[in-house]
Amino acid sequence: MIVLADGRRIEAEVGVVMVEIGDRKAASTVADCDEPLLGVESLETLGLAVDPTTGSLKPTRSFTVRLGGVSMASATTGR
């Protein structure tokens, strides 16, 4: 059972996929349901948010992928 943002409850299969928006890519939980959904969890993981005045995506922070507590930026740049 999944609760949608509008309060509706639906039955859906849940899984994990890689989401890529622009140069940002991360694993995210998704639900297999009748309409495509990209939830706030996915956007937060990517460091993005919807600007309510324009409807466009805006960065909320710089984006760095972490694997096992090791920053990929640190591993590739030596910083």
Protein backbone atom coordinates (compact mmCIF):
# COMPACT_ATOMS: atom_id res chain seq x y z
CA MET A 1 0.00 0.00 0.00
CA ILE A 2 1.36 3.41 -0.99
CA VAL A 3 0.02 6.79 0.18
CA LEU A 4 0.18 9.45 -2.55
CA ALA A 5 0.76 13.15 -1.90
CA ASP A 6 -2.98 13.83 -2.29
CA GLY A 7 -3.78 11.25 0.42
CA ARG A 8 -5.02 8.49 -1.89
CA ARG A 9 -3.90 4.95 -1.04
CA ILE A 10 -3.04 2.60 -3.89
CA GLU A 11 -1.70 -0.93 -4.24
CA ALA A 12 1.56 -0.99 -6.21
CA GLU A 13 4.73 -2.99 -6.66
CA VAL A 14 7.82 -1.16 -5.38
CA GLY A 15 11.38 -1.38 -6.69
CA VAL A 16 14.64 0.51 -7.10
CA VAL A 17 15.83 2.15 -10.33
CA MET A 18 18.57 4.55 -11.40
CA VAL A 19 17.18 8.03 -12.05
CA GLU A 20 19.15 10.44 -14.22
CA ILE A 21 18.27 14.11 -14.67
CA GLY A 22 20.86 16.20 -16.45
CA ASP A 23 24.29 15.33 -15.05
CA ARG A 24 22.82 13.93 -11.80
CA LYS A 25 22.22 10.20 -11.34
CA ALA A 26 21.16 8.22 -8.25
CA ALA A 27 19.21 5.17 -7.12
CA SER A 28 15.61 5.82 -6.15
CA THR A 29 12.56 3.90 -4.97
CA VAL A 30 9.73 3.75 -7.51
CA ALA A 31 6.18 2.41 -7.56
CA ASP A 32 4.68 0.56 -10.53
CA CYS A 33 1.28 2.22 -10.88
CA ASP A 34 -1.09 3.61 -13.54
CA GLU A 35 0.51 7.04 -13.81
CA PRO A 36 4.22 7.91 -13.86
CA LEU A 37 5.43 9.44 -10.60
CA LEU A 38 8.67 11.13 -9.66
CA GLY A 39 8.50 11.74 -5.95
CA VAL A 40 10.18 14.25 -3.71
CA GLU A 41 12.49 11.51 -2.39
CA SER A 42 14.02 11.08 -5.87
CA LEU A 43 14.43 14.82 -6.34
CA GLU A 44 15.99 15.26 -2.88
CA THR A 45 18.43 12.42 -3.57
CA LEU A 46 19.47 14.23 -6.76
CA GLY A 47 19.73 17.57 -4.94
CA LEU A 48 16.84 19.07 -6.92
CA ALA A 49 13.50 20.72 -6.14
CA VAL A 50 10.61 22.05 -8.23
CA ASP A 51 10.44 25.85 -8.33
CA PRO A 52 6.71 26.46 -7.72
CA THR A 53 6.74 29.75 -9.61
CA THR A 54 8.15 28.32 -12.85
CA GLY A 55 7.56 24.56 -12.56
CA SER A 56 11.21 23.98 -13.45
CA LEU A 57 13.82 22.00 -11.52
CA LYS A 58 16.35 23.95 -9.48
CA PRO A 59 19.44 22.64 -7.64
CA THR A 60 19.12 22.71 -3.86
CA ARG A 61 22.78 21.84 -3.25
CA SER A 62 25.83 20.64 -5.09
CA PHE A 63 25.56 17.00 -6.11
CA THR A 64 28.06 14.35 -5.01
CA VAL A 65 27.44 10.62 -5.21
CA ARG A 66 28.32 8.73 -2.04
CA LEU A 67 29.10 5.02 -2.03
CA GLY A 68 29.73 3.40 1.32
CA GLY A 69 30.53 6.77 2.87
CA VAL A 70 33.20 7.55 0.27
CA SER A 71 32.54 10.61 -1.82
CA MET A 72 32.94 9.90 -5.54
CA ALA A 73 34.12 13.48 -6.02
CA SER A 74 36.86 12.87 -3.47
CA ALA A 75 37.81 9.54 -4.99
CA THR A 76 38.15 10.92 -8.52
CA THR A 77 39.78 14.27 -7.75
CA GLY A 78 41.90 13.24 -4.78
CA ARG A 79 40.30 15.91 -2.55
